[in-house]
Amino acid sequence: MSNTPVILCVDDEVPALAIRCLVLSTAGYEVLTAADGVGALELFRCLPVDLVITDYWLPGLTGVQVAAEMKRLKPAIPVILLSGVVEAPPGSELADLVITKGRPVEELLREIGKLILK
């Protein structure tokens, strides 16, 4: 059994998801991916996950709805909400952290490290 932290990334934009996956795996994380909230919740229910990064705008469920359900199921698992707008979207207080897309990769990795070590 591996001690490598597992991060679930949720985004319907394939290029963004691929880049995030590459960055996180290069940083030493195991990465699971989902293209929508329903798929993310299925993975979250069935597999061990140490942290979730979800886009706000997803088909079907929003990132806030995904975060709310994940927090209901496993409240201790940190959820990072990615948003394309500067102001935090309504309901984003359900996430442990809101990060605006386009922030430096180092900042995202630093915040992930802090949340996983909690």
N, C-alpha and C. Protein backbone atom coordinates (compact mmCIF):
# COMPACT_ATOMS: atom_id res chain seq x y z
N MET A 1 0.84 -1.19 0.00
CA MET A 1 0.00 0.00 0.00
C MET A 1 0.88 1.25 0.00
N SER A 2 0.58 2.20 -0.84
CA SER A 2 1.37 3.40 -1.00
C SER A 2 0.95 4.49 -0.01
N ASN A 3 1.92 5.30 0.39
CA ASN A 3 1.63 6.45 1.25
C ASN A 3 1.52 7.73 0.43
N THR A 4 1.52 7.60 -0.88
CA THR A 4 1.41 8.76 -1.76
C THR A 4 0.02 9.36 -1.63
N PRO A 5 -0.07 10.67 -1.31
CA PRO A 5 -1.39 11.30 -1.23
C PRO A 5 -2.12 11.24 -2.57
N VAL A 6 -3.43 11.02 -2.48
CA VAL A 6 -4.27 10.93 -3.67
C VAL A 6 -5.12 12.19 -3.79
N ILE A 7 -5.04 12.82 -4.96
CA ILE A 7 -5.82 14.03 -5.23
C ILE A 7 -6.81 13.73 -6.35
N LEU A 8 -8.06 14.06 -6.11
CA LEU A 8 -9.10 13.93 -7.13
C LEU A 8 -9.29 15.30 -7.78
N CYS A 9 -9.04 15.37 -9.09
CA CYS A 9 -9.21 16.62 -9.85
C CYS A 9 -10.47 16.52 -10.71
N VAL A 10 -11.30 17.56 -10.64
CA VAL A 10 -12.56 17.56 -11.37
C VAL A 10 -12.61 18.80 -12.26
N ASP A 11 -12.71 18.56 -13.56
CA ASP A 11 -12.80 19.67 -14.52
C ASP A 11 -13.31 19.11 -15.84
N ASP A 12 -14.23 19.82 -16.47
CA ASP A 12 -14.75 19.37 -17.77
C ASP A 12 -13.91 19.86 -18.93
N GLU A 13 -12.92 20.71 -18.66
CA GLU A 13 -12.02 21.18 -19.71
C GLU A 13 -10.82 20.24 -19.76
N VAL A 14 -10.76 19.40 -20.78
CA VAL A 14 -9.75 18.35 -20.89
C VAL A 14 -8.32 18.91 -20.82
N PRO A 15 -7.98 19.97 -21.57
CA PRO A 15 -6.60 20.48 -21.49
C PRO A 15 -6.22 20.95 -20.07
N ALA A 16 -7.14 21.64 -19.40
CA ALA A 16 -6.86 22.11 -18.04
C ALA A 16 -6.67 20.93 -17.09
N LEU A 17 -7.49 19.91 -17.24
CA LEU A 17 -7.40 18.72 -16.41
C LEU A 17 -6.08 17.99 -16.66
N ALA A 18 -5.69 17.88 -17.91
CA ALA A 18 -4.43 17.20 -18.26
C ALA A 18 -3.23 17.94 -17.69
N ILE A 19 -3.23 19.26 -17.77
CA ILE A 19 -2.11 20.04 -17.23
C ILE A 19 -2.06 19.91 -15.71
N ARG A 20 -3.20 20.02 -15.06
CA ARG A 20 -3.26 19.88 -13.60
C ARG A 20 -2.77 18.50 -13.18
N CYS A 21 -3.18 17.48 -13.91
CA CYS A 21 -2.77 16.11 -13.62
C CYS A 21 -1.25 15.97 -13.75
N LEU A 22 -0.67 16.53 -14.80
CA LEU A 22 0.77 16.47 -15.02
C LEU A 22 1.52 17.18 -13.90
N VAL A 23 1.07 18.38 -13.55
CA VAL A 23 1.72 19.17 -12.49
C VAL A 23 1.68 18.41 -11.16
N LEU A 24 0.52 17.87 -10.82
CA LEU A 24 0.37 17.19 -9.53
C LEU A 24 1.14 15.88 -9.48
N SER A 25 1.10 15.11 -10.57
CA SER A 25 1.85 13.84 -10.58
C SER A 25 3.35 14.11 -10.55
N THR A 26 3.81 15.16 -11.22
CA THR A 26 5.22 15.53 -11.19
C THR A 26 5.63 15.95 -9.78
N ALA A 27 4.69 16.54 -9.03
CA ALA A 27 4.96 16.97 -7.66
C ALA A 27 4.88 15.80 -6.67
N GLY A 28 4.57 14.60 -7.17
CA GLY A 28 4.59 13.42 -6.31
C GLY A 28 3.25 12.93 -5.82
N TYR A 29 2.17 13.46 -6.35
CA TYR A 29 0.84 13.02 -5.94
C TYR A 29 0.29 11.98 -6.91
N GLU A 30 -0.57 11.11 -6.40
CA GLU A 30 -1.35 10.23 -7.25
C GLU A 30 -2.60 11.01 -7.63
N VAL A 31 -2.97 11.01 -8.89
CA VAL A 31 -4.08 11.85 -9.35
C VAL A 31 -5.18 11.00 -9.97
N LEU A 32 -6.40 11.23 -9.51
CA LEU A 32 -7.60 10.67 -10.12
C LEU A 32 -8.30 11.83 -10.81
N THR A 33 -8.97 11.57 -11.92
CA THR A 33 -9.66 12.65 -12.63
C THR A 33 -11.11 12.30 -12.91
N ALA A 34 -11.91 13.35 -12.97
CA ALA A 34 -13.32 13.23 -13.35
C ALA A 34 -13.69 14.45 -14.16
N ALA A 35 -14.55 14.26 -15.16
CA ALA A 35 -14.95 15.35 -16.05
C ALA A 35 -16.24 16.04 -15.60
N ASP A 36 -16.88 15.50 -14.57
CA ASP A 36 -18.11 16.13 -14.07
C ASP A 36 -18.32 15.76 -12.60
N GLY A 37 -19.28 16.42 -11.99
CA GLY A 37 -19.54 16.21 -10.58
C GLY A 37 -20.04 14.83 -10.23
N VAL A 38 -20.88 14.26 -11.07
CA VAL A 38 -21.43 12.93 -10.82
C VAL A 38 -20.30 11.89 -10.80
N GLY A 39 -19.43 11.96 -11.80
CA GLY A 39 -18.29 11.04 -11.86
C GLY A 39 -17.35 11.24 -10.68
N ALA A 40 -17.15 12.49 -10.29
CA ALA A 40 -16.29 12.79 -9.15
C ALA A 40 -16.85 12.19 -7.86
N LEU A 41 -18.15 12.32 -7.67
CA LEU A 41 -18.77 11.78 -6.46
C LEU A 41 -18.68 10.25 -6.43
N GLU A 42 -18.81 9.61 -7.59
CA GLU A 42 -18.67 8.15 -7.65
C GLU A 42 -17.26 7.73 -7.21
N LEU A 43 -16.24 8.41 -7.75
CA LEU A 43 -14.86 8.09 -7.36
C LEU A 43 -14.64 8.38 -5.88
N PHE A 44 -15.16 9.51 -5.42
CA PHE A 44 -14.99 9.93 -4.03
C PHE A 44 -15.59 8.92 -3.05
N ARG A 45 -16.73 8.36 -3.43
CA ARG A 45 -17.39 7.36 -2.58
C ARG A 45 -16.63 6.04 -2.54
N CYS A 46 -16.00 5.67 -3.67
CA CYS A 46 -15.43 4.33 -3.82
C CYS A 46 -13.93 4.23 -3.53
N LEU A 47 -13.20 5.31 -3.69
CA LEU A 47 -11.74 5.25 -3.59
C LEU A 47 -11.22 6.16 -2.48
N PRO A 48 -10.08 5.81 -1.89
CA PRO A 48 -9.50 6.71 -0.89
C PRO A 48 -8.94 7.96 -1.57
N VAL A 49 -9.34 9.11 -1.06
CA VAL A 49 -8.92 10.39 -1.60
C VAL A 49 -8.46 11.25 -0.44
N ASP A 50 -7.33 11.95 -0.62
CA ASP A 50 -6.80 12.81 0.44
C ASP A 50 -7.16 14.27 0.26
N LEU A 51 -7.49 14.67 -0.97
CA LEU A 51 -7.82 16.07 -1.26
C LEU A 51 -8.55 16.11 -2.60
N VAL A 52 -9.44 17.09 -2.75
CA VAL A 52 -10.18 17.27 -4.00
C VAL A 52 -9.93 18.68 -4.52
N ILE A 53 -9.70 18.79 -5.82
CA ILE A 53 -9.64 20.08 -6.50
C ILE A 53 -10.74 20.05 -7.55
N THR A 54 -11.71 20.95 -7.42
CA THR A 54 -12.81 20.96 -8.38
C THR A 54 -13.00 22.35 -8.98
N ASP A 55 -13.30 22.34 -10.26
CA ASP A 55 -13.66 23.56 -10.96
C ASP A 55 -15.05 23.98 -10.46
N TYR A 56 -15.35 25.27 -10.51
CA TYR A 56 -16.68 25.72 -10.10
C TYR A 56 -17.72 25.36 -11.16
N TRP A 57 -17.42 25.70 -12.43
CA TRP A 57 -18.39 25.44 -13.51
C TRP A 57 -18.19 24.04 -14.04
N LEU A 58 -19.16 23.18 -13.78
CA LEU A 58 -19.13 21.81 -14.27
C LEU A 58 -20.49 21.49 -14.89
N PRO A 59 -20.55 20.54 -15.81
CA PRO A 59 -21.85 20.14 -16.33
C PRO A 59 -22.65 19.41 -15.25
N GLY A 60 -23.92 19.72 -15.16
CA GLY A 60 -24.78 19.06 -14.17
C GLY A 60 -24.70 19.73 -12.81
N LEU A 61 -23.75 19.32 -11.99
CA LEU A 61 -23.57 19.88 -10.66
C LEU A 61 -22.47 20.94 -10.69
N THR A 62 -22.61 21.99 -9.90
CA THR A 62 -21.52 22.97 -9.79
C THR A 62 -20.47 22.44 -8.83
N GLY A 63 -19.32 23.06 -8.84
CA GLY A 63 -18.27 22.69 -7.89
C GLY A 63 -18.72 22.86 -6.45
N VAL A 64 -19.56 23.85 -6.19
CA VAL A 64 -20.09 24.07 -4.84
C VAL A 64 -20.99 22.90 -4.43
N GLN A 65 -21.83 22.44 -5.34
CA GLN A 65 -22.69 21.29 -5.04
C GLN A 65 -21.86 20.03 -4.80
N VAL A 66 -20.81 19.86 -5.58
CA VAL A 66 -19.91 18.72 -5.40
C VAL A 66 -19.23 18.82 -4.03
N ALA A 67 -18.71 20.00 -3.71
CA ALA A 67 -18.05 20.20 -2.41
C ALA A 67 -19.00 19.93 -1.26
N ALA A 68 -20.24 20.40 -1.38
CA ALA A 68 -21.22 20.20 -0.31
C ALA A 68 -21.47 18.72 -0.06
N GLU A 69 -21.64 17.95 -1.13
CA GLU A 69 -21.89 16.52 -0.97
C GLU A 69 -20.66 15.80 -0.42
N MET A 70 -19.49 16.18 -0.90
CA MET A 70 -18.27 15.55 -0.41
C MET A 70 -18.07 15.84 1.08
N LYS A 71 -18.34 17.06 1.49
CA LYS A 71 -18.20 17.42 2.90
C LYS A 71 -19.24 16.69 3.75
N ARG A 72 -20.40 16.43 3.19
CA ARG A 72 -21.42 15.66 3.92
C ARG A 72 -20.95 14.22 4.11
N LEU A 73 -20.34 13.65 3.06
CA LEU A 73 -19.89 12.26 3.10
C LEU A 73 -18.62 12.07 3.94
N LYS A 74 -17.65 12.94 3.73
CA LYS A 74 -16.34 12.82 4.41
C LYS A 74 -15.85 14.22 4.76
N PRO A 75 -16.33 14.76 5.88
CA PRO A 75 -16.03 16.15 6.23
C PRO A 75 -14.54 16.48 6.40
N ALA A 76 -13.73 15.49 6.70
CA ALA A 76 -12.31 15.76 6.96
C ALA A 76 -11.48 15.92 5.68
N ILE A 77 -12.03 15.53 4.54
CA ILE A 77 -11.27 15.61 3.28
C ILE A 77 -11.32 17.05 2.76
N PRO A 78 -10.15 17.70 2.59
CA PRO A 78 -10.14 19.08 2.10
C PRO A 78 -10.59 19.17 0.65
N VAL A 79 -11.31 20.24 0.35
CA VAL A 79 -11.78 20.52 -1.01
C VAL A 79 -11.32 21.92 -1.41
N ILE A 80 -10.64 21.99 -2.55
CA ILE A 80 -10.23 23.27 -3.13
C ILE A 80 -11.16 23.54 -4.30
N LEU A 81 -11.73 24.74 -4.32
CA LEU A 81 -12.62 25.15 -5.41
C LEU A 81 -11.86 26.11 -6.31
N LEU A 82 -11.78 25.79 -7.59
CA LEU A 82 -11.15 26.67 -8.57
C LEU A 82 -12.22 27.50 -9.24
N SER A 83 -11.96 28.80 -9.33
CA SER A 83 -12.93 29.69 -9.94
C SER A 83 -12.24 30.59 -10.95
N GLY A 84 -12.94 30.86 -12.03
CA GLY A 84 -12.41 31.75 -13.05
C GLY A 84 -12.66 33.22 -12.76
N VAL A 85 -13.37 33.50 -11.69
CA VAL A 85 -13.66 34.89 -11.33
C VAL A 85 -12.96 35.23 -10.01
N VAL A 86 -12.67 36.50 -9.81
CA VAL A 86 -11.93 36.95 -8.64
C VAL A 86 -12.77 36.81 -7.37
N GLU A 87 -14.05 37.19 -7.45
CA GLU A 87 -14.92 37.07 -6.28
C GLU A 87 -15.32 35.62 -6.08
N ALA A 88 -15.29 35.18 -4.83
CA ALA A 88 -15.68 33.80 -4.54
C ALA A 88 -17.15 33.60 -4.89
N PRO A 89 -17.47 32.51 -5.61
CA PRO A 89 -18.85 32.25 -5.99
C PRO A 89 -19.72 31.93 -4.76
N PRO A 90 -21.03 32.16 -4.87
CA PRO A 90 -21.92 31.83 -3.75
C PRO A 90 -21.80 30.36 -3.35
N GLY A 91 -21.74 30.11 -2.05
CA GLY A 91 -21.63 28.75 -1.54
C GLY A 91 -20.20 28.27 -1.42
N SER A 92 -19.24 29.07 -1.85
CA SER A 92 -17.85 28.63 -1.85
C SER A 92 -17.28 28.46 -0.44
N GLU A 93 -18.00 28.96 0.56
CA GLU A 93 -17.53 28.77 1.94
C GLU A 93 -17.57 27.29 2.35
N LEU A 94 -18.24 26.46 1.56
CA LEU A 94 -18.26 25.02 1.82
C LEU A 94 -16.92 24.37 1.51
N ALA A 95 -16.13 25.01 0.65
CA ALA A 95 -14.81 24.50 0.32
C ALA A 95 -13.80 24.97 1.38
N ASP A 96 -12.71 24.24 1.50
CA ASP A 96 -11.66 24.63 2.44
C ASP A 96 -10.84 25.80 1.92
N LEU A 97 -10.82 25.94 0.60
CA LEU A 97 -10.03 27.01 -0.02
C LEU A 97 -10.61 27.31 -1.40
N VAL A 98 -10.63 28.58 -1.77
CA VAL A 98 -11.03 28.99 -3.11
C VAL A 98 -9.81 29.63 -3.75
N ILE A 99 -9.45 29.14 -4.93
CA ILE A 99 -8.30 29.68 -5.66
C ILE A 99 -8.78 30.14 -7.03
N THR A 100 -8.36 31.33 -7.42
CA THR A 100 -8.68 31.85 -8.73
C THR A 100 -7.79 31.16 -9.76
N LYS A 101 -8.40 30.72 -10.85
CA LYS A 101 -7.61 30.09 -11.92
C LYS A 101 -6.56 31.08 -12.40
N GLY A 102 -5.42 30.52 -12.81
CA GLY A 102 -4.35 31.36 -13.33
C GLY A 102 -3.33 31.77 -12.27
N ARG A 103 -3.55 31.39 -11.02
CA ARG A 103 -2.57 31.66 -9.97
C ARG A 103 -1.32 30.83 -10.26
N PRO A 104 -0.17 31.22 -9.74
CA PRO A 104 1.05 30.44 -9.99
C PRO A 104 0.94 29.00 -9.46
N VAL A 105 1.52 28.07 -10.20
CA VAL A 105 1.49 26.66 -9.84
C VAL A 105 2.09 26.46 -8.45
N GLU A 106 3.15 27.19 -8.13
CA GLU A 106 3.81 27.05 -6.84
C GLU A 106 2.84 27.36 -5.70
N GLU A 107 1.97 28.36 -5.91
CA GLU A 107 0.99 28.73 -4.89
C GLU A 107 -0.01 27.59 -4.67
N LEU A 108 -0.48 27.00 -5.76
CA LEU A 108 -1.41 25.87 -5.64
C LEU A 108 -0.75 24.71 -4.91
N LEU A 109 0.48 24.37 -5.28
CA LEU A 109 1.18 23.27 -4.63
C LEU A 109 1.43 23.55 -3.16
N ARG A 110 1.75 24.77 -2.82
CA ARG A 110 1.96 25.16 -1.42
C ARG A 110 0.67 24.98 -0.62
N GLU A 111 -0.44 25.43 -1.17
CA GLU A 111 -1.73 25.31 -0.48
C GLU A 111 -2.16 23.85 -0.34
N ILE A 112 -1.90 23.05 -1.37
CA ILE A 112 -2.21 21.62 -1.30
C ILE A 112 -1.42 20.99 -0.16
N GLY A 113 -0.14 21.29 -0.10
CA GLY A 113 0.72 20.76 0.95
C GLY A 113 0.20 21.09 2.34
N LYS A 114 -0.23 22.34 2.52
CA LYS A 114 -0.77 22.76 3.82
C LYS A 114 -2.04 21.98 4.18
N LEU A 115 -2.92 21.81 3.21
CA LEU A 115 -4.19 21.12 3.48
C LEU A 115 -4.02 19.63 3.72
N ILE A 116 -3.10 19.01 3.01
CA ILE A 116 -2.89 17.57 3.17
C ILE A 116 -2.22 17.27 4.51
N LEU A 117 -1.40 18.18 4.98
CA LEU A 117 -0.68 17.96 6.25
C LEU A 117 -1.53 18.23 7.48
N LYS A 118 -2.71 18.83 7.30
CA LYS A 118 -3.56 19.15 8.46
C LYS A 118 -3.92 17.92 9.24
